Amino acid sequence: MSAIRLLIFDLDGTLVDSQDMIVESQRRTFLAHGLTPPDRRASLSVVGLSLREAFTVLVGAGGPVDGMAETYKSLFGELRADASRAEPFFPGAVETVARYGADPGFLLGVATGKSQRGVRHLFERAGWGNLFATVQTADDHPSKPAPDMILAALAETGVAAQDACMIGDTTFDMAMAKAAGVRAIGVDWGYHETAALAAAGADTIISDFAELDMLFEPVPSPRRVGRGLG
């Protein structure tokens, strides 16, 4: 292999199925502000956006966007503290991260609308702290689909755009990848329809992680320690 490949993963809807937590946190947030909660489809349509942008889409720029974002963070944290509500990983996600994380031909990254706190919590659950060479979150960058998170990941790892890809479940992920000049790989088990992913520029859409393996053919080897989330 002539170059290190960087695989940048989205989290919600790609590696972890957080839809129930997201929908319930949104529902409680709307009620706390005296507003009618959106239906499930509308709730999931904004997954991937930073909180402020998500609530702007749902209630409009004139709504109590900042207050709702703060309420949501608080409520989501309360729900996350309930072990019975732990977000399940999608089939094959844990194994795929472990396999690619052990392959010296690859580096792993994250580009997510989650906060650093949310990523850290997830990594602690999964034992992923040392497997990801770069972690980019909504705390530090403009919301998807701006390319900033991917550009930061490329700069941090020193990987060229042509040797990197973004793997995600939303149109925001696909548009972000195209804007950053990296390959866009959509997954069909997440929160946006496959037709929408294709229209947003997906180069490939996979139906399970085995198809990702066929694209890149990782070769198991001793575990490589990455930077992790500090």
Protein backbone atom coordinates (compact mmCIF):
# COMPACT_ATOMS: atom_id res chain seq x y z
CA MET A 1 0.00 0.00 0.00
CA SER A 2 1.59 3.25 -1.12
CA ALA A 3 -0.12 5.60 1.34
CA ILE A 4 -1.84 5.60 4.69
CA ARG A 5 -5.59 5.74 4.21
CA LEU A 6 -7.68 7.84 6.55
CA LEU A 7 -11.18 6.57 7.29
CA ILE A 8 -13.27 9.31 8.90
CA PHE A 9 -16.44 8.05 10.55
CA ASP A 10 -19.59 9.85 11.53
CA LEU A 11 -20.99 8.55 14.84
CA ASP A 12 -24.78 8.97 15.23
CA GLY A 13 -26.53 6.87 12.60
CA THR A 14 -23.29 5.34 11.33
CA LEU A 15 -21.51 3.60 14.20
CA VAL A 16 -24.07 4.06 16.98
CA ASP A 17 -27.87 4.01 16.83
CA SER A 18 -28.74 7.04 18.93
CA GLN A 19 -32.09 7.83 17.36
CA ASP A 20 -34.24 7.04 20.40
CA MET A 21 -32.12 9.26 22.65
CA ILE A 22 -32.12 12.07 20.11
CA VAL A 23 -35.86 11.97 19.49
CA GLU A 24 -36.70 11.79 23.19
CA SER A 25 -34.28 14.60 24.06
CA GLN A 26 -35.78 16.76 21.33
CA ARG A 27 -39.31 15.96 22.50
CA ARG A 28 -38.54 16.98 26.07
CA THR A 29 -36.73 20.10 24.89
CA PHE A 30 -39.69 21.29 22.85
CA LEU A 31 -42.07 20.67 25.73
CA ALA A 32 -39.77 22.51 28.14
CA HIS A 33 -40.03 25.55 25.88
CA GLY A 34 -43.79 25.29 25.45
CA LEU A 35 -43.54 24.11 21.84
CA THR A 36 -45.06 21.17 19.97
CA PRO A 37 -42.40 18.50 19.38
CA PRO A 38 -41.60 17.54 15.77
CA ASP A 39 -42.46 14.10 14.47
CA ARG A 40 -39.78 11.43 14.41
CA ARG A 41 -38.92 11.96 10.74
CA ALA A 42 -38.31 15.66 11.26
CA SER A 43 -36.27 14.97 14.40
CA LEU A 44 -33.98 12.57 12.58
CA SER A 45 -33.66 14.78 9.51
CA VAL A 46 -31.38 17.18 11.41
CA VAL A 47 -29.09 14.56 12.95
CA GLY A 48 -25.52 15.47 12.08
CA LEU A 49 -26.01 19.21 12.31
CA SER A 50 -24.63 21.13 15.26
CA LEU A 51 -27.30 21.77 17.88
CA ARG A 52 -27.86 25.42 17.07
CA GLU A 53 -28.22 24.70 13.35
CA ALA A 54 -30.51 21.74 14.06
CA PHE A 55 -32.90 23.79 16.16
CA THR A 56 -32.79 26.62 13.65
CA VAL A 57 -34.08 24.16 11.04
CA LEU A 58 -36.77 22.87 13.38
CA VAL A 59 -38.11 26.14 14.84
CA GLY A 60 -36.74 28.85 12.55
CA ALA A 61 -34.13 31.52 13.20
CA GLY A 62 -36.63 33.52 15.25
CA GLY A 63 -37.20 30.70 17.72
CA PRO A 64 -35.47 30.21 21.09
CA VAL A 65 -32.61 28.40 19.39
CA ASP A 66 -29.82 29.06 21.89
CA GLY A 67 -32.01 28.21 24.87
CA MET A 68 -33.22 25.02 23.24
CA ALA A 69 -29.67 23.95 22.46
CA GLU A 70 -28.69 24.35 26.11
CA THR A 71 -31.84 22.56 27.31
CA TYR A 72 -31.19 19.70 24.90
CA LYS A 73 -27.61 19.24 26.13
CA SER A 74 -28.81 19.06 29.72
CA LEU A 75 -31.65 16.65 28.97
CA PHE A 76 -29.51 14.44 26.74
CA GLY A 77 -26.95 14.19 29.54
CA GLU A 78 -29.66 13.13 31.98
CA LEU A 79 -30.91 10.43 29.63
CA ARG A 80 -27.37 9.23 28.90
CA ALA A 81 -26.82 8.72 32.64
CA ASP A 82 -29.56 6.08 32.57
CA ALA A 83 -27.74 2.84 31.72
CA SER A 84 -30.94 1.30 30.41
CA ARG A 85 -30.92 3.87 27.60
CA ALA A 86 -27.39 3.10 26.35
CA GLU A 87 -27.19 3.72 22.61
CA PRO A 88 -26.61 0.41 20.77
CA PHE A 89 -23.85 0.06 18.23
CA PHE A 90 -24.87 -0.96 14.74
CA PRO A 91 -24.03 -4.57 13.81
CA GLY A 92 -20.37 -4.87 12.90
CA ALA A 93 -19.42 -1.36 14.06
CA VAL A 94 -17.29 -2.37 17.05
CA GLU A 95 -15.55 -5.13 15.12
CA THR A 96 -14.89 -2.89 12.12
CA VAL A 97 -13.33 -0.13 14.21
CA ALA A 98 -11.15 -2.68 16.01
CA ARG A 99 -10.03 -4.28 12.76
CA TYR A 100 -9.13 -1.09 10.93
CA GLY A 101 -7.64 0.38 14.10
CA ALA A 102 -5.22 -2.57 14.22
CA ASP A 103 -4.16 -2.20 10.57
CA PRO A 104 -1.01 -0.07 10.08
CA GLY A 105 -2.19 0.86 6.59
CA PHE A 106 -5.06 2.90 8.00
CA LEU A 107 -5.72 5.78 10.34
CA LEU A 108 -9.16 6.32 11.88
CA GLY A 109 -10.90 9.61 12.42
CA VAL A 110 -14.22 10.98 13.62
CA ALA A 111 -16.18 13.94 12.31
CA THR A 112 -19.37 14.35 14.31
CA GLY A 113 -22.06 16.74 15.40
CA LYS A 114 -21.62 15.36 18.92
CA SER A 115 -19.79 17.37 21.53
CA GLN A 116 -16.38 16.32 22.80
CA ARG A 117 -18.10 15.24 26.00
CA GLY A 118 -20.46 13.01 24.05
CA VAL A 119 -17.61 11.49 22.05
CA ARG A 120 -15.59 10.86 25.18
CA HIS A 121 -18.53 9.09 26.81
CA LEU A 122 -19.01 6.88 23.76
CA PHE A 123 -15.30 6.08 23.51
CA GLU A 124 -15.19 5.08 27.16
CA ARG A 125 -18.07 2.66 26.60
CA ALA A 126 -16.47 1.13 23.51
CA GLY A 127 -12.84 1.24 24.60
CA TRP A 128 -11.95 3.32 21.54
CA GLY A 129 -9.77 5.94 23.22
CA ASN A 130 -6.54 4.85 21.53
CA LEU A 131 -7.89 3.81 18.14
CA PHE A 132 -8.69 7.18 16.55
CA ALA A 133 -5.88 9.38 15.28
CA THR A 134 -8.10 12.45 14.93
CA VAL A 135 -11.41 13.47 16.50
CA GLN A 136 -13.26 16.51 15.18
CA THR A 137 -16.47 17.67 16.85
CA ALA A 138 -19.10 20.37 16.66
CA ASP A 139 -17.46 22.07 19.65
CA ASP A 140 -14.56 23.29 17.55
CA HIS A 141 -15.83 23.70 13.98
CA PRO A 142 -18.72 25.03 11.91
CA SER A 143 -21.58 22.60 11.49
CA LYS A 144 -21.68 20.03 8.74
CA PRO A 145 -21.82 20.28 5.74
CA ALA A 146 -18.97 22.81 6.05
CA PRO A 147 -15.72 20.96 5.23
CA ASP A 148 -13.80 22.26 8.25
CA MET A 149 -13.86 19.06 10.32
CA ILE A 150 -12.48 16.97 7.48
CA LEU A 151 -9.88 19.57 6.55
CA ALA A 152 -8.73 19.64 10.16
CA ALA A 153 -8.52 15.84 10.21
CA LEU A 154 -6.39 15.85 7.06
CA ALA A 155 -4.09 18.50 8.49
CA GLU A 156 -3.76 16.72 11.82
CA THR A 157 -2.89 13.35 10.29
CA GLY A 158 -0.94 14.57 7.27
CA VAL A 159 -3.04 12.44 4.94
CA ALA A 160 -3.82 13.77 1.45
CA ALA A 161 -7.46 14.23 0.48
CA GLN A 162 -7.21 11.57 -2.23
CA ASP A 163 -6.24 9.02 0.44
CA ALA A 164 -9.15 9.79 2.75
CA CYS A 165 -12.87 9.10 2.87
CA MET A 166 -15.85 10.16 4.93
CA ILE A 167 -18.24 7.41 6.03
CA GLY A 168 -21.64 8.63 7.14
CA ASP A 169 -25.40 8.25 7.01
CA THR A 170 -26.60 11.76 6.18
CA THR A 171 -26.61 14.16 3.27
CA PHE A 172 -24.59 16.49 5.50
CA ASP A 173 -21.78 13.93 5.63
CA MET A 174 -21.79 13.45 1.88
CA ALA A 175 -21.82 17.18 1.14
CA MET A 176 -19.05 17.76 3.67
CA ALA A 177 -16.92 15.07 2.03
CA LYS A 178 -17.37 16.52 -1.44
CA ALA A 179 -16.57 20.02 -0.21
CA ALA A 180 -13.35 18.73 1.36
CA GLY A 181 -12.36 16.74 -1.72
CA VAL A 182 -12.45 13.29 -0.09
CA ARG A 183 -14.36 10.17 -1.08
CA ALA A 184 -17.94 10.08 0.21
CA ILE A 185 -19.21 6.69 1.42
CA GLY A 186 -22.83 6.54 2.53
CA VAL A 187 -24.40 3.88 4.75
CA ASP A 188 -28.00 2.84 4.22
CA TRP A 189 -28.82 1.89 7.82
CA GLY A 190 -28.84 5.45 9.16
CA TYR A 191 -31.23 8.37 9.26
CA HIS A 192 -31.32 9.70 5.68
CA GLU A 193 -32.68 7.91 2.62
CA THR A 194 -30.23 6.36 0.16
CA ALA A 195 -31.65 8.42 -2.71
CA ALA A 196 -30.85 11.57 -0.75
CA LEU A 197 -27.31 10.33 -0.06
CA ALA A 198 -26.77 9.71 -3.76
CA ALA A 199 -28.14 13.14 -4.65
CA ALA A 200 -25.78 14.72 -2.10
CA GLY A 201 -22.78 13.20 -3.86
CA ALA A 202 -22.16 9.78 -2.33
CA ASP A 203 -19.54 7.93 -4.36
CA THR A 204 -20.58 4.60 -2.84
CA ILE A 205 -23.43 3.48 -0.59
CA ILE A 206 -22.94 0.36 1.51
CA SER A 207 -25.51 -1.86 3.20
CA ASP A 208 -23.27 -3.37 5.88
CA PHE A 209 -19.73 -3.10 7.16
CA ALA A 210 -18.66 -6.17 5.18
CA GLU A 211 -19.02 -4.06 2.05
CA LEU A 212 -16.64 -1.52 3.54
CA ASP A 213 -14.17 -4.35 4.03
CA MET A 214 -14.47 -5.24 0.36
CA LEU A 215 -13.60 -1.66 -0.57
CA PHE A 216 -10.46 -1.49 1.55
CA GLU A 217 -9.48 -5.04 2.55
CA PRO A 218 -7.86 -4.36 5.93
CA VAL A 219 -5.15 -6.79 7.02
CA PRO A 220 -5.18 -7.60 10.76
CA SER A 221 -1.94 -6.78 12.56
CA PRO A 222 -0.78 -5.75 16.06
CA ARG A 223 -2.72 -2.85 17.50
CA ARG A 224 -1.44 0.62 16.64
CA VAL A 225 -1.85 3.29 19.29
CA GLY A 226 -3.35 6.53 18.02
CA ARG A 227 -3.68 9.97 19.56
CA GLY A 228 -7.13 9.36 20.98
CA LEU A 229 -9.38 11.98 22.57
CA GLY A 230 -7.52 13.94 25.16
